[in-house]
Amino acid sequence: MTSDPRPATTLPDRQRQHPEIRPDGQPVTASASSVYAAYARDRVVAAQQAVDTHTTSAYNGCCLGCGRPGPCAELAAAEATLARYHRLPFRRPGSTLLDLTRTTDADQARFTWWRRSA
């Protein structure tokens, strides 16, 4: 049997004995992990806001946030960020539909049976 061709680990003895010490000799503190947790939380919140803003419309297939056809680059980047942090996007039912409270002249019927012709 041949020996392992990979080089031996170059970690100092102090690192092997105390895994909570970084290779540069600095101890890993709780603040470093809490800073990363806060950073990750901010990234997830920003990605969720982008998913809410850049939803693809069910009617015309365009992004409701920027108007580009299909899923836009911002939505793809936000979904990639959520996947990186092992999160699923929170979907809001009906968010791809038109706003029912907003009506314009184009939304109204041109002829109805209820309205009397002149």
N, C-alpha and C. Protein backbone atom coordinates (compact mmCIF):
# COMPACT_ATOMS: atom_id res chain seq x y z
N MET A 1 0.85 -1.17 0.00
CA MET A 1 0.00 0.00 0.00
C MET A 1 0.89 1.23 0.00
N THR A 2 0.57 2.19 -0.88
CA THR A 2 1.38 3.40 -0.98
C THR A 2 0.92 4.43 0.03
N SER A 3 1.78 5.34 0.32
CA SER A 3 1.42 6.39 1.27
C SER A 3 0.52 7.42 0.58
N ASP A 4 -0.12 8.22 1.37
CA ASP A 4 -1.04 9.23 0.87
C ASP A 4 -0.26 10.32 0.14
N PRO A 5 -0.56 10.59 -1.15
CA PRO A 5 0.21 11.58 -1.90
C PRO A 5 -0.13 13.03 -1.52
N ARG A 6 -1.22 13.23 -0.81
CA ARG A 6 -1.60 14.59 -0.44
C ARG A 6 -0.64 15.13 0.62
N PRO A 7 -0.36 16.42 0.59
CA PRO A 7 0.54 16.96 1.61
C PRO A 7 -0.12 16.94 2.98
N ALA A 8 0.70 16.84 3.97
CA ALA A 8 0.19 16.83 5.34
C ALA A 8 -0.40 18.20 5.67
N THR A 9 -1.30 18.22 6.60
CA THR A 9 -1.89 19.50 6.99
C THR A 9 -0.83 20.40 7.59
N THR A 10 -0.96 21.66 7.32
CA THR A 10 0.04 22.61 7.79
C THR A 10 -0.46 23.42 8.98
N LEU A 11 -1.51 22.96 9.61
CA LEU A 11 -2.02 23.69 10.77
C LEU A 11 -1.04 23.56 11.93
N PRO A 12 -0.82 24.63 12.65
CA PRO A 12 0.05 24.52 13.81
C PRO A 12 -0.59 23.65 14.89
N ASP A 13 0.24 23.18 15.79
CA ASP A 13 -0.26 22.32 16.87
C ASP A 13 -1.32 23.03 17.70
N ARG A 14 -1.15 24.32 17.88
CA ARG A 14 -2.11 25.08 18.67
C ARG A 14 -3.50 25.04 18.01
N GLN A 15 -3.53 25.10 16.67
CA GLN A 15 -4.80 25.05 15.95
C GLN A 15 -5.44 23.66 16.07
N ARG A 16 -4.65 22.61 16.04
CA ARG A 16 -5.20 21.25 16.18
C ARG A 16 -5.78 21.04 17.56
N GLN A 17 -5.13 21.60 18.57
CA GLN A 17 -5.60 21.40 19.94
C GLN A 17 -6.81 22.28 20.24
N HIS A 18 -6.87 23.47 19.64
CA HIS A 18 -7.95 24.41 19.93
C HIS A 18 -8.60 24.85 18.62
N PRO A 19 -9.62 24.15 18.15
CA PRO A 19 -10.23 24.51 16.86
C PRO A 19 -10.95 25.86 16.90
N GLU A 20 -11.17 26.43 18.08
CA GLU A 20 -11.83 27.73 18.14
C GLU A 20 -10.86 28.87 17.87
N ILE A 21 -9.59 28.57 17.58
CA ILE A 21 -8.60 29.57 17.25
C ILE A 21 -8.38 29.53 15.74
N ARG A 22 -8.41 30.68 15.11
CA ARG A 22 -8.20 30.77 13.67
C ARG A 22 -6.75 30.46 13.33
N PRO A 23 -6.47 30.13 12.06
CA PRO A 23 -5.09 29.85 11.66
C PRO A 23 -4.14 31.02 11.88
N ASP A 24 -4.64 32.26 11.87
CA ASP A 24 -3.75 33.39 12.11
C ASP A 24 -3.51 33.64 13.59
N GLY A 25 -4.06 32.81 14.45
CA GLY A 25 -3.83 32.92 15.88
C GLY A 25 -4.88 33.69 16.63
N GLN A 26 -5.81 34.34 15.92
CA GLN A 26 -6.85 35.12 16.57
C GLN A 26 -7.98 34.20 17.01
N PRO A 27 -8.51 34.40 18.20
CA PRO A 27 -9.63 33.56 18.63
C PRO A 27 -10.92 33.93 17.90
N VAL A 28 -11.75 32.94 17.69
CA VAL A 28 -13.06 33.17 17.10
C VAL A 28 -13.97 33.63 18.22
N THR A 29 -14.54 34.79 18.05
CA THR A 29 -15.40 35.34 19.10
C THR A 29 -16.86 35.19 18.72
N ALA A 30 -17.70 35.35 19.69
CA ALA A 30 -19.14 35.28 19.44
C ALA A 30 -19.60 36.45 18.59
N SER A 31 -18.90 37.57 18.68
CA SER A 31 -19.32 38.73 17.90
C SER A 31 -19.12 38.50 16.40
N ALA A 32 -18.10 37.72 16.03
CA ALA A 32 -17.90 37.44 14.61
C ALA A 32 -19.06 36.64 14.05
N SER A 33 -19.54 35.67 14.80
CA SER A 33 -20.67 34.89 14.31
C SER A 33 -21.96 35.70 14.34
N SER A 34 -22.11 36.58 15.32
CA SER A 34 -23.32 37.40 15.35
C SER A 34 -23.31 38.45 14.24
N VAL A 35 -22.11 38.94 13.88
CA VAL A 35 -22.01 39.88 12.76
C VAL A 35 -22.39 39.17 11.46
N TYR A 36 -21.91 37.95 11.26
CA TYR A 36 -22.26 37.21 10.06
C TYR A 36 -23.76 36.89 10.04
N ALA A 37 -24.32 36.56 11.20
CA ALA A 37 -25.75 36.27 11.25
C ALA A 37 -26.57 37.51 10.89
N ALA A 38 -26.15 38.67 11.37
CA ALA A 38 -26.85 39.91 11.03
C ALA A 38 -26.71 40.21 9.54
N TYR A 39 -25.52 39.99 8.99
CA TYR A 39 -25.29 40.20 7.56
C TYR A 39 -26.17 39.25 6.73
N ALA A 40 -26.22 37.99 7.13
CA ALA A 40 -27.03 37.01 6.40
C ALA A 40 -28.51 37.36 6.50
N ARG A 41 -28.94 37.80 7.67
CA ARG A 41 -30.34 38.17 7.86
C ARG A 41 -30.70 39.36 6.96
N ASP A 42 -29.81 40.35 6.87
CA ASP A 42 -30.06 41.50 6.00
C ASP A 42 -30.13 41.09 4.54
N ARG A 43 -29.27 40.18 4.13
CA ARG A 43 -29.28 39.70 2.74
C ARG A 43 -30.58 38.96 2.43
N VAL A 44 -31.04 38.13 3.36
CA VAL A 44 -32.28 37.37 3.15
C VAL A 44 -33.48 38.32 3.08
N VAL A 45 -33.51 39.32 3.95
CA VAL A 45 -34.62 40.28 3.94
C VAL A 45 -34.63 41.07 2.63
N ALA A 46 -33.45 41.51 2.18
CA ALA A 46 -33.37 42.25 0.91
C ALA A 46 -33.78 41.37 -0.26
N ALA A 47 -33.40 40.11 -0.23
CA ALA A 47 -33.77 39.19 -1.31
C ALA A 47 -35.28 38.95 -1.31
N GLN A 48 -35.88 38.83 -0.14
CA GLN A 48 -37.33 38.63 -0.07
C GLN A 48 -38.07 39.86 -0.58
N GLN A 49 -37.56 41.05 -0.28
CA GLN A 49 -38.18 42.27 -0.80
C GLN A 49 -38.07 42.33 -2.32
N ALA A 50 -36.94 41.88 -2.86
CA ALA A 50 -36.78 41.85 -4.31
C ALA A 50 -37.74 40.84 -4.94
N VAL A 51 -37.95 39.71 -4.29
CA VAL A 51 -38.90 38.71 -4.80
C VAL A 51 -40.31 39.29 -4.80
N ASP A 52 -40.66 40.04 -3.74
CA ASP A 52 -41.98 40.65 -3.68
C ASP A 52 -42.16 41.73 -4.74
N THR A 53 -41.12 42.49 -5.01
CA THR A 53 -41.20 43.59 -5.96
C THR A 53 -41.18 43.10 -7.40
N HIS A 54 -40.31 42.16 -7.71
CA HIS A 54 -40.09 41.72 -9.09
C HIS A 54 -40.81 40.40 -9.38
N THR A 55 -42.09 40.38 -9.12
CA THR A 55 -42.91 39.21 -9.40
C THR A 55 -43.35 39.25 -10.86
N THR A 56 -43.35 38.11 -11.52
CA THR A 56 -43.78 38.04 -12.91
C THR A 56 -45.30 38.00 -12.97
N SER A 57 -45.88 38.87 -13.78
CA SER A 57 -47.33 38.99 -13.88
C SER A 57 -47.93 37.75 -14.52
N ALA A 58 -49.10 37.35 -14.04
CA ALA A 58 -49.79 36.20 -14.60
C ALA A 58 -50.47 36.55 -15.93
N TYR A 59 -50.71 37.83 -16.19
CA TYR A 59 -51.44 38.23 -17.39
C TYR A 59 -50.55 38.39 -18.61
N ASN A 60 -49.46 39.14 -18.46
CA ASN A 60 -48.64 39.42 -19.64
C ASN A 60 -47.24 38.84 -19.55
N GLY A 61 -46.86 38.23 -18.44
CA GLY A 61 -45.56 37.61 -18.31
C GLY A 61 -44.42 38.58 -18.08
N CYS A 62 -44.72 39.84 -17.79
CA CYS A 62 -43.68 40.83 -17.54
C CYS A 62 -43.49 41.02 -16.04
N CYS A 63 -42.31 41.48 -15.68
CA CYS A 63 -41.99 41.75 -14.28
C CYS A 63 -42.81 42.95 -13.81
N LEU A 64 -43.44 42.85 -12.65
CA LEU A 64 -44.24 43.95 -12.13
C LEU A 64 -43.37 45.07 -11.57
N GLY A 65 -42.11 44.78 -11.26
CA GLY A 65 -41.22 45.79 -10.70
C GLY A 65 -40.54 46.63 -11.75
N CYS A 66 -40.03 45.99 -12.80
CA CYS A 66 -39.24 46.74 -13.79
C CYS A 66 -39.84 46.67 -15.20
N GLY A 67 -40.83 45.81 -15.43
CA GLY A 67 -41.50 45.76 -16.73
C GLY A 67 -40.81 44.91 -17.77
N ARG A 68 -39.72 44.25 -17.44
CA ARG A 68 -39.03 43.40 -18.41
C ARG A 68 -39.81 42.10 -18.60
N PRO A 69 -39.75 41.51 -19.79
CA PRO A 69 -40.47 40.25 -20.00
C PRO A 69 -39.81 39.10 -19.25
N GLY A 70 -40.66 38.23 -18.75
CA GLY A 70 -40.16 37.04 -18.05
C GLY A 70 -39.57 37.37 -16.70
N PRO A 71 -39.01 36.38 -16.03
CA PRO A 71 -38.33 36.66 -14.76
C PRO A 71 -37.09 37.52 -15.03
N CYS A 72 -37.00 38.66 -14.36
CA CYS A 72 -35.89 39.58 -14.61
C CYS A 72 -34.64 39.13 -13.85
N ALA A 73 -33.54 39.81 -14.11
CA ALA A 73 -32.26 39.46 -13.49
C ALA A 73 -32.29 39.69 -11.98
N GLU A 74 -33.02 40.72 -11.54
CA GLU A 74 -33.11 40.99 -10.10
C GLU A 74 -33.81 39.85 -9.37
N LEU A 75 -34.86 39.31 -9.98
CA LEU A 75 -35.57 38.18 -9.38
C LEU A 75 -34.68 36.94 -9.34
N ALA A 76 -33.94 36.70 -10.41
CA ALA A 76 -33.04 35.54 -10.43
C ALA A 76 -31.94 35.68 -9.39
N ALA A 77 -31.40 36.89 -9.23
CA ALA A 77 -30.35 37.10 -8.22
C ALA A 77 -30.91 36.95 -6.81
N ALA A 78 -32.13 37.43 -6.59
CA ALA A 78 -32.75 37.29 -5.26
C ALA A 78 -33.03 35.83 -4.93
N GLU A 79 -33.50 35.07 -5.91
CA GLU A 79 -33.75 33.65 -5.67
C GLU A 79 -32.45 32.89 -5.44
N ALA A 80 -31.37 33.30 -6.11
CA ALA A 80 -30.07 32.68 -5.88
C ALA A 80 -29.56 32.99 -4.48
N THR A 81 -29.79 34.20 -4.00
CA THR A 81 -29.39 34.57 -2.64
C THR A 81 -30.16 33.74 -1.62
N LEU A 82 -31.46 33.60 -1.83
CA LEU A 82 -32.26 32.80 -0.90
C LEU A 82 -31.82 31.34 -0.93
N ALA A 83 -31.47 30.83 -2.09
CA ALA A 83 -31.00 29.44 -2.18
C ALA A 83 -29.65 29.28 -1.49
N ARG A 84 -28.80 30.31 -1.57
CA ARG A 84 -27.49 30.25 -0.92
C ARG A 84 -27.62 30.13 0.59
N TYR A 85 -28.66 30.77 1.14
CA TYR A 85 -28.88 30.72 2.59
C TYR A 85 -29.92 29.67 2.97
N HIS A 86 -30.24 28.78 2.05
CA HIS A 86 -31.16 27.65 2.28
C HIS A 86 -32.53 28.14 2.77
N ARG A 87 -33.05 29.15 2.09
CA ARG A 87 -34.36 29.69 2.41
C ARG A 87 -35.26 29.58 1.19
N LEU A 88 -36.54 29.41 1.43
CA LEU A 88 -37.52 29.44 0.35
C LEU A 88 -38.18 30.81 0.35
N PRO A 89 -38.47 31.36 -0.82
CA PRO A 89 -39.14 32.66 -0.84
C PRO A 89 -40.57 32.53 -0.32
N PHE A 90 -40.99 33.52 0.43
CA PHE A 90 -42.35 33.55 0.94
C PHE A 90 -43.23 34.14 -0.14
N ARG A 91 -44.17 33.36 -0.64
CA ARG A 91 -45.05 33.81 -1.72
C ARG A 91 -46.34 34.34 -1.14
N ARG A 92 -46.85 35.39 -1.74
CA ARG A 92 -48.12 35.96 -1.33
C ARG A 92 -49.15 35.65 -2.41
N PRO A 93 -50.20 34.90 -2.08
CA PRO A 93 -51.20 34.54 -3.08
C PRO A 93 -51.85 35.78 -3.69
N GLY A 94 -51.99 35.76 -4.99
CA GLY A 94 -52.62 36.86 -5.70
C GLY A 94 -51.71 38.01 -6.04
N SER A 95 -50.43 37.92 -5.72
CA SER A 95 -49.53 39.04 -5.99
C SER A 95 -49.23 39.19 -7.48
N THR A 96 -49.47 38.17 -8.28
CA THR A 96 -49.23 38.28 -9.72
C THR A 96 -50.44 38.80 -10.47
N LEU A 97 -51.56 38.98 -9.78
CA LEU A 97 -52.78 39.45 -10.43
C LEU A 97 -52.83 40.97 -10.40
N LEU A 98 -53.71 41.53 -11.20
CA LEU A 98 -53.86 42.99 -11.22
C LEU A 98 -54.47 43.48 -9.92
N ASP A 99 -54.19 44.72 -9.60
CA ASP A 99 -54.76 45.34 -8.41
C ASP A 99 -56.24 45.61 -8.68
N LEU A 100 -57.11 44.99 -7.91
CA LEU A 100 -58.54 45.11 -8.16
C LEU A 100 -59.09 46.46 -7.77
N THR A 101 -58.41 47.20 -6.91
CA THR A 101 -58.90 48.51 -6.51
C THR A 101 -58.58 49.58 -7.54
N ARG A 102 -57.65 49.30 -8.45
CA ARG A 102 -57.25 50.27 -9.47
C ARG A 102 -58.06 50.01 -10.74
N THR A 103 -58.85 50.97 -11.13
CA THR A 103 -59.62 50.83 -12.37
C THR A 103 -59.36 52.04 -13.24
N THR A 104 -59.28 51.82 -14.51
CA THR A 104 -59.11 52.91 -15.48
C THR A 104 -60.19 52.77 -16.52
N ASP A 105 -60.24 53.71 -17.43
CA ASP A 105 -61.24 53.65 -18.50
C ASP A 105 -61.03 52.43 -19.38
N ALA A 106 -59.79 52.00 -19.53
CA ALA A 106 -59.51 50.85 -20.37
C ALA A 106 -60.04 49.55 -19.75
N ASP A 107 -60.20 49.55 -18.42
CA ASP A 107 -60.67 48.35 -17.75
C ASP A 107 -62.19 48.21 -17.81
N GLN A 108 -62.92 49.29 -18.10
CA GLN A 108 -64.37 49.23 -18.09
C GLN A 108 -64.89 48.67 -19.42
N ALA A 109 -66.01 48.01 -19.34
CA ALA A 109 -66.61 47.45 -20.54
C ALA A 109 -67.16 48.57 -21.42
N ARG A 110 -67.02 48.40 -22.73
CA ARG A 110 -67.48 49.44 -23.65
C ARG A 110 -69.01 49.37 -23.85
N PHE A 111 -69.57 48.21 -23.70
CA PHE A 111 -71.01 48.06 -23.89
C PHE A 111 -71.52 47.09 -22.85
N THR A 112 -72.59 47.48 -22.22
CA THR A 112 -73.22 46.57 -21.27
C THR A 112 -74.71 46.53 -21.56
N TRP A 113 -75.34 45.49 -21.16
CA TRP A 113 -76.78 45.37 -21.34
C TRP A 113 -77.52 46.27 -20.37
N TRP A 114 -76.86 46.65 -19.29
CA TRP A 114 -77.54 47.46 -18.29
C TRP A 114 -77.61 48.93 -18.69
N ARG A 115 -76.68 49.35 -19.50
CA ARG A 115 -76.66 50.75 -19.90
C ARG A 115 -77.50 50.91 -21.17
N ARG A 116 -78.29 51.90 -21.17
CA ARG A 116 -79.18 52.12 -22.30
C ARG A 116 -78.44 52.84 -23.42
N SER A 117 -78.60 52.37 -24.62
CA SER A 117 -77.96 53.03 -25.76
C SER A 117 -78.63 54.36 -26.02
N ALA A 118 -77.88 55.31 -26.49
CA ALA A 118 -78.42 56.65 -26.76
C ALA A 118 -79.29 56.57 -27.96
